[in-house]
């Protein structure tokens, strides 16, 4: 079953891919062909008792300096 995986994390352009557990989890989810998205804490909101986040689709690469690009 293909999932849609969204995670809250620091800005992806600034992470250390060798020590970031969220990046490792996302790489594995991508390997399993799940759709990826992420958002930063400032994109999370509560309105009318419901939680919303502005997410960005994501594709990863296990290569420092070129480790992501938006879909």
PDB file of N, CA and C in Angstrom:
ATOM      1  N   UNK A   1       0.836  -1.173   0.000  1.00  0.00           N
ATOM      2  CA  UNK A   1       0.000   0.000   0.000  1.00  0.00           C
ATOM      3  C   UNK A   1       0.889   1.248   0.000  1.00  0.00           C
ATOM      4  N   UNK A   2       0.644   2.133  -0.918  1.00  0.00           N
ATOM      5  CA  UNK A   2       1.400   3.375  -1.016  1.00  0.00           C
ATOM      6  C   UNK A   2       0.810   4.408  -0.057  1.00  0.00           C
ATOM      7  N   UNK A   3       1.655   5.013   0.750  1.00  0.00           N
ATOM      8  CA  UNK A   3       1.228   6.012   1.723  1.00  0.00           C
ATOM      9  C   UNK A   3       1.645   7.406   1.287  1.00  0.00           C
ATOM     10  N   UNK A   4       1.008   8.396   1.865  1.00  0.00           N
ATOM     11  CA  UNK A   4       1.433   9.786   1.741  1.00  0.00           C
ATOM     12  C   UNK A   4       2.043  10.156   3.083  1.00  0.00           C
ATOM     13  N   UNK A   5       3.353  10.394   3.095  1.00  0.00           N
ATOM     14  CA  UNK A   5       4.085  10.656   4.330  1.00  0.00           C
ATOM     15  C   UNK A   5       4.473  12.125   4.377  1.00  0.00           C
ATOM     16  N   UNK A   6       4.026  12.819   5.422  1.00  0.00           N
ATOM     17  CA  UNK A   6       4.408  14.216   5.641  1.00  0.00           C
ATOM     18  C   UNK A   6       5.056  14.318   7.013  1.00  0.00           C
ATOM     19  N   UNK A   7       6.149  15.049   7.097  1.00  0.00           N
ATOM     20  CA  UNK A   7       6.862  15.205   8.358  1.00  0.00           C
ATOM     21  C   UNK A   7       7.147  16.677   8.634  1.00  0.00           C
ATOM     22  N   UNK A   8       7.195  17.004   9.913  1.00  0.00           N
ATOM     23  CA  UNK A   8       7.627  18.329  10.333  1.00  0.00           C
ATOM     24  C   UNK A   8       9.116  18.259  10.597  1.00  0.00           C
ATOM     25  N   UNK A   9       9.864  19.199  10.040  1.00  0.00           N
ATOM     26  CA  UNK A   9      11.302  19.198  10.255  1.00  0.00           C
ATOM     27  C   UNK A   9      11.875  20.589  10.036  1.00  0.00           C
ATOM     28  N   UNK A  10      13.155  20.753  10.366  1.00  0.00           N
ATOM     29  CA  UNK A  10      13.860  21.997  10.082  1.00  0.00           C
ATOM     30  C   UNK A  10      13.906  22.190   8.574  1.00  0.00           C
ATOM     31  N   UNK A  11      14.194  23.414   8.115  1.00  0.00           N
ATOM     32  CA  UNK A  11      14.307  23.630   6.666  1.00  0.00           C
ATOM     33  C   UNK A  11      15.271  22.610   6.044  1.00  0.00           C
ATOM     34  N   UNK A  12      14.804  21.900   5.067  1.00  0.00           N
ATOM     35  CA  UNK A  12      15.560  20.774   4.519  1.00  0.00           C
ATOM     36  C   UNK A  12      16.878  21.187   3.883  1.00  0.00           C
ATOM     37  N   UNK A  13      16.945  22.412   3.400  1.00  0.00           N
ATOM     38  CA  UNK A  13      18.198  22.858   2.780  1.00  0.00           C
ATOM     39  C   UNK A  13      19.321  23.029   3.807  1.00  0.00           C
ATOM     40  N   UNK A  14      18.996  23.045   5.098  1.00  0.00           N
ATOM     41  CA  UNK A  14      20.012  23.275   6.132  1.00  0.00           C
ATOM     42  C   UNK A  14      20.327  22.048   6.976  1.00  0.00           C
ATOM     43  N   UNK A  15      19.742  20.903   6.698  1.00  0.00           N
ATOM     44  CA  UNK A  15      19.985  19.738   7.556  1.00  0.00           C
ATOM     45  C   UNK A  15      21.313  19.067   7.217  1.00  0.00           C
ATOM     46  N   UNK A  16      21.844  18.339   8.195  1.00  0.00           N
ATOM     47  CA  UNK A  16      23.016  17.493   8.000  1.00  0.00           C
ATOM     48  C   UNK A  16      22.482  16.100   7.695  1.00  0.00           C
ATOM     49  N   UNK A  17      22.555  15.677   6.454  1.00  0.00           N
ATOM     50  CA  UNK A  17      21.916  14.423   6.057  1.00  0.00           C
ATOM     51  C   UNK A  17      22.570  13.205   6.707  1.00  0.00           C
ATOM     52  N   UNK A  18      23.780  13.319   7.179  1.00  0.00           N
ATOM     53  CA  UNK A  18      24.464  12.186   7.812  1.00  0.00           C
ATOM     54  C   UNK A  18      24.037  11.986   9.262  1.00  0.00           C
ATOM     55  N   UNK A  19      23.374  12.982   9.862  1.00  0.00           N
ATOM     56  CA  UNK A  19      22.983  12.827  11.256  1.00  0.00           C
ATOM     57  C   UNK A  19      21.519  13.095  11.526  1.00  0.00           C
ATOM     58  N   UNK A  20      20.730  13.279  10.486  1.00  0.00           N
ATOM     59  CA  UNK A  20      19.324  13.630  10.670  1.00  0.00           C
ATOM     60  C   UNK A  20      18.449  12.392  10.555  1.00  0.00           C
ATOM     61  N   UNK A  21      17.807  12.022  11.671  1.00  0.00           N
ATOM     62  CA  UNK A  21      16.990  10.800  11.671  1.00  0.00           C
ATOM     63  C   UNK A  21      15.740  10.941  10.805  1.00  0.00           C
ATOM     64  N   UNK A  22      15.199  12.146  10.704  1.00  0.00           N
ATOM     65  CA  UNK A  22      14.022  12.343   9.846  1.00  0.00           C
ATOM     66  C   UNK A  22      14.392  12.115   8.392  1.00  0.00           C
ATOM     67  N   UNK A  23      15.557  12.594   7.980  1.00  0.00           N
ATOM     68  CA  UNK A  23      16.023  12.374   6.606  1.00  0.00           C
ATOM     69  C   UNK A  23      16.162  10.878   6.331  1.00  0.00           C
ATOM     70  N   UNK A  24      16.730  10.145   7.277  1.00  0.00           N
ATOM     71  CA  UNK A  24      16.893   8.695   7.107  1.00  0.00           C
ATOM     72  C   UNK A  24      15.537   8.005   6.973  1.00  0.00           C
ATOM     73  N   UNK A  25      14.580   8.423   7.788  1.00  0.00           N
ATOM     74  CA  UNK A  25      13.242   7.837   7.718  1.00  0.00           C
ATOM     75  C   UNK A  25      12.596   8.146   6.362  1.00  0.00           C
ATOM     76  N   UNK A  26      12.752   9.375   5.883  1.00  0.00           N
ATOM     77  CA  UNK A  26      12.180   9.753   4.593  1.00  0.00           C
ATOM     78  C   UNK A  26      12.824   8.984   3.444  1.00  0.00           C
ATOM     79  N   UNK A  27      14.140   8.791   3.507  1.00  0.00           N
ATOM     80  CA  UNK A  27      14.813   7.999   2.466  1.00  0.00           C
ATOM     81  C   UNK A  27      14.224   6.590   2.391  1.00  0.00           C
ATOM     82  N   UNK A  28      13.996   5.983   3.552  1.00  0.00           N
ATOM     83  CA  UNK A  28      13.424   4.638   3.564  1.00  0.00           C
ATOM     84  C   UNK A  28      11.993   4.647   3.032  1.00  0.00           C
ATOM     85  N   UNK A  29      11.218   5.649   3.411  1.00  0.00           N
ATOM     86  CA  UNK A  29       9.844   5.754   2.891  1.00  0.00           C
ATOM     87  C   UNK A  29       9.863   5.925   1.378  1.00  0.00           C
ATOM     88  N   UNK A  30      10.789   6.716   0.864  1.00  0.00           N
ATOM     89  CA  UNK A  30      10.908   6.899  -0.589  1.00  0.00           C
ATOM     90  C   UNK A  30      11.307   5.590  -1.265  1.00  0.00           C
ATOM     91  N   UNK A  31      12.236   4.859  -0.634  1.00  0.00           N
ATOM     92  CA  UNK A  31      12.658   3.569  -1.190  1.00  0.00           C
ATOM     93  C   UNK A  31      11.456   2.623  -1.318  1.00  0.00           C
ATOM     94  N   UNK A  32      10.515   2.744  -0.392  1.00  0.00           N
ATOM     95  CA  UNK A  32       9.306   1.918  -0.416  1.00  0.00           C
ATOM     96  C   UNK A  32       8.211   2.512  -1.304  1.00  0.00           C
ATOM     97  N   UNK A  33       8.550   3.568  -2.038  1.00  0.00           N
ATOM     98  CA  UNK A  33       7.679   4.205  -3.023  1.00  0.00           C
ATOM     99  C   UNK A  33       6.497   4.973  -2.426  1.00  0.00           C
ATOM    100  N   UNK A  34       6.662   5.456  -1.206  1.00  0.00           N
ATOM    101  CA  UNK A  34       5.638   6.306  -0.609  1.00  0.00           C
ATOM    102  C   UNK A  34       5.836   7.741  -1.100  1.00  0.00           C
ATOM    103  N   UNK A  35       4.765   8.494  -1.177  1.00  0.00           N
ATOM    104  CA  UNK A  35       4.830   9.908  -1.567  1.00  0.00           C
ATOM    105  C   UNK A  35       5.288  10.717  -0.359  1.00  0.00           C
ATOM    106  N   UNK A  36       6.253  11.616  -0.570  1.00  0.00           N
ATOM    107  CA  UNK A  36       6.835  12.384   0.525  1.00  0.00           C
ATOM    108  C   UNK A  36       6.447  13.854   0.464  1.00  0.00           C
ATOM    109  N   UNK A  37       6.312  14.435   1.656  1.00  0.00           N
ATOM    110  CA  UNK A  37       6.096  15.875   1.792  1.00  0.00           C
ATOM    111  C   UNK A  37       6.649  16.291   3.144  1.00  0.00           C
ATOM    112  N   UNK A  38       6.972  17.569   3.258  1.00  0.00           N
ATOM    113  CA  UNK A  38       7.448  18.066   4.545  1.00  0.00           C
ATOM    114  C   UNK A  38       6.948  19.479   4.762  1.00  0.00           C
ATOM    115  N   UNK A  39       7.025  19.889   6.023  1.00  0.00           N
ATOM    116  CA  UNK A  39       6.675  21.253   6.396  1.00  0.00           C
ATOM    117  C   UNK A  39       7.523  21.656   7.588  1.00  0.00           C
ATOM    118  N   UNK A  40       7.718  22.946   7.744  1.00  0.00           N
ATOM    119  CA  UNK A  40       8.450  23.482   8.877  1.00  0.00           C
ATOM    120  C   UNK A  40       7.441  23.927   9.939  1.00  0.00           C
ATOM    121  N   UNK A  41       7.873  24.064  11.196  1.00  0.00           N
ATOM    122  CA  UNK A  41       6.930  24.421  12.258  1.00  0.00           C
ATOM    123  C   UNK A  41       6.125  25.686  11.983  1.00  0.00           C
ATOM    124  N   UNK A  42       6.702  26.638  11.273  1.00  0.00           N
ATOM    125  CA  UNK A  42       5.974  27.889  10.994  1.00  0.00           C
ATOM    126  C   UNK A  42       4.834  27.689   9.991  1.00  0.00           C
ATOM    127  N   UNK A  43       4.760  26.527   9.357  1.00  0.00           N
ATOM    128  CA  UNK A  43       3.695  26.235   8.401  1.00  0.00           C
ATOM    129  C   UNK A  43       2.511  25.497   9.031  1.00  0.00           C
ATOM    130  N   UNK A  44       2.600  25.253  10.327  1.00  0.00           N
ATOM    131  CA  UNK A  44       1.559  24.540  11.054  1.00  0.00           C
ATOM    132  C   UNK A  44       0.593  25.548  11.669  1.00  0.00           C
ATOM    133  N   UNK A  45      -0.713  25.302  11.554  1.00  0.00           N
ATOM    134  CA  UNK A  45      -1.713  26.245  12.065  1.00  0.00           C
ATOM    135  C   UNK A  45      -2.906  25.501  12.641  1.00  0.00           C
ATOM    136  N   UNK A  46      -3.600  26.175  13.538  1.00  0.00           N
ATOM    137  CA  UNK A  46      -4.831  25.674  14.120  1.00  0.00           C
ATOM    138  C   UNK A  46      -5.929  26.662  13.781  1.00  0.00           C
ATOM    139  N   UNK A  47      -7.013  26.167  13.177  1.00  0.00           N
ATOM    140  CA  UNK A  47      -8.131  27.034  12.806  1.00  0.00           C
ATOM    141  C   UNK A  47      -9.434  26.274  13.017  1.00  0.00           C
ATOM    142  N   UNK A  48     -10.306  26.856  13.798  1.00  0.00           N
ATOM    143  CA  UNK A  48     -11.593  26.219  14.042  1.00  0.00           C
ATOM    144  C   UNK A  48     -11.480  24.842  14.653  1.00  0.00           C
ATOM    145  N   UNK A  49     -10.479  24.635  15.480  1.00  0.00           N
ATOM    146  CA  UNK A  49     -10.287  23.337  16.114  1.00  0.00           C
ATOM    147  C   UNK A  49      -9.652  22.281  15.229  1.00  0.00           C
ATOM    148  N   UNK A  50      -9.211  22.675  14.041  1.00  0.00           N
ATOM    149  CA  UNK A  50      -8.563  21.736  13.102  1.00  0.00           C
ATOM    150  C   UNK A  50      -7.124  22.158  12.868  1.00  0.00           C
ATOM    151  N   UNK A  51      -6.262  21.183  12.687  1.00  0.00           N
ATOM    152  CA  UNK A  51      -4.844  21.440  12.440  1.00  0.00           C
ATOM    153  C   UNK A  51      -4.583  21.390  10.945  1.00  0.00           C
ATOM    154  N   UNK A  52      -3.836  22.377  10.450  1.00  0.00           N
ATOM    155  CA  UNK A  52      -3.480  22.464   9.037  1.00  0.00           C
ATOM    156  C   UNK A  52      -1.971  22.682   8.908  1.00  0.00           C
ATOM    157  N   UNK A  53      -1.411  22.235   7.800  1.00  0.00           N
ATOM    158  CA  UNK A  53      -0.003  22.504   7.495  1.00  0.00           C
ATOM    159  C   UNK A  53       0.132  22.686   5.997  1.00  0.00           C
ATOM    160  N   UNK A  54       0.906  23.686   5.614  1.00  0.00           N
ATOM    161  CA  UNK A  54       1.238  23.888   4.200  1.00  0.00           C
ATOM    162  C   UNK A  54       2.440  23.007   3.894  1.00  0.00           C
ATOM    163  N   UNK A  55       2.211  21.891   3.193  1.00  0.00           N
ATOM    164  CA  UNK A  55       3.275  20.926   2.929  1.00  0.00           C
ATOM    165  C   UNK A  55       3.854  21.122   1.534  1.00  0.00           C
ATOM    166  N   UNK A  56       5.113  20.715   1.397  1.00  0.00           N
ATOM    167  CA  UNK A  56       5.794  20.777   0.101  1.00  0.00           C
ATOM    168  C   UNK A  56       6.159  19.360  -0.322  1.00  0.00           C
ATOM    169  N   UNK A  57       5.773  18.939  -1.526  1.00  0.00           N
ATOM    170  CA  UNK A  57       6.187  17.618  -2.017  1.00  0.00           C
ATOM    171  C   UNK A  57       7.711  17.552  -2.085  1.00  0.00           C
ATOM    172  N   UNK A  58       8.242  16.363  -1.999  1.00  0.00           N
ATOM    173  CA  UNK A  58       9.679  16.212  -1.834  1.00  0.00           C
ATOM    174  C   UNK A  58      10.185  14.950  -2.515  1.00  0.00           C
ATOM    175  N   UNK A  59      11.375  15.052  -3.083  1.00  0.00           N
ATOM    176  CA  UNK A  59      12.094  13.886  -3.589  1.00  0.00           C
ATOM    177  C   UNK A  59      13.518  13.999  -3.058  1.00  0.00           C
ATOM    178  N   UNK A  60      14.051  12.898  -2.531  1.00  0.00           N
ATOM    179  CA  UNK A  60      15.357  12.916  -1.880  1.00  0.00           C
ATOM    180  C   UNK A  60      16.415  12.159  -2.663  1.00  0.00           C
ATOM    181  N   UNK A  61      17.649  12.512  -2.327  1.00  0.00           N
ATOM    182  CA  UNK A  61      18.822  11.848  -2.894  1.00  0.00           C
ATOM    183  C   UNK A  61      19.842  11.767  -1.758  1.00  0.00           C
ATOM    184  N   UNK A  62      20.474  10.638  -1.566  1.00  0.00           N
ATOM    185  CA  UNK A  62      21.468  10.455  -0.506  1.00  0.00           C
ATOM    186  C   UNK A  62      22.818  10.998  -0.978  1.00  0.00           C
ATOM    187  N   UNK A  63      22.857  12.310  -1.208  1.00  0.00           N
ATOM    188  CA  UNK A  63      24.050  12.969  -1.735  1.00  0.00           C
ATOM    189  C   UNK A  63      24.148  14.348  -1.100  1.00  0.00           C
ATOM    190  N   UNK A  64      25.178  14.564  -0.286  1.00  0.00           N
ATOM    191  CA  UNK A  64      25.341  15.839   0.398  1.00  0.00           C
ATOM    192  C   UNK A  64      25.374  16.997  -0.595  1.00  0.00           C
ATOM    193  N   UNK A  65      24.673  18.063  -0.235  1.00  0.00           N
ATOM    194  CA  UNK A  65      24.628  19.248  -1.076  1.00  0.00           C
ATOM    195  C   UNK A  65      23.593  19.175  -2.191  1.00  0.00           C
ATOM    196  N   UNK A  66      23.168  17.991  -2.539  1.00  0.00           N
ATOM    197  CA  UNK A  66      22.146  17.787  -3.580  1.00  0.00           C
ATOM    198  C   UNK A  66      21.117  16.779  -3.077  1.00  0.00           C
ATOM    199  N   UNK A  67      20.780  16.878  -1.798  1.00  0.00           N
ATOM    200  CA  UNK A  67      19.998  15.842  -1.133  1.00  0.00           C
ATOM    201  C   UNK A  67      18.496  15.945  -1.326  1.00  0.00           C
ATOM    202  N   UNK A  68      18.002  17.002  -1.963  1.00  0.00           N
ATOM    203  CA  UNK A  68      16.565  17.101  -2.162  1.00  0.00           C
ATOM    204  C   UNK A  68      16.260  17.981  -3.356  1.00  0.00           C
ATOM    205  N   UNK A  69      15.064  17.813  -3.851  1.00  0.00           N
ATOM    206  CA  UNK A  69      14.471  18.786  -4.767  1.00  0.00           C
ATOM    207  C   UNK A  69      12.973  18.637  -4.688  1.00  0.00           C
ATOM    208  N   UNK A  70      12.268  19.758  -4.740  1.00  0.00           N
ATOM    209  CA  UNK A  70      10.803  19.691  -4.710  1.00  0.00           C
ATOM    210  C   UNK A  70      10.301  18.951  -5.948  1.00  0.00           C
ATOM    211  N   UNK A  71       9.219  18.286  -5.804  1.00  0.00           N
ATOM    212  CA  UNK A  71       8.632  17.563  -6.957  1.00  0.00           C
ATOM    213  C   UNK A  71       7.884  18.510  -7.833  1.00  0.00           C
TER     214      UNK A  71
END
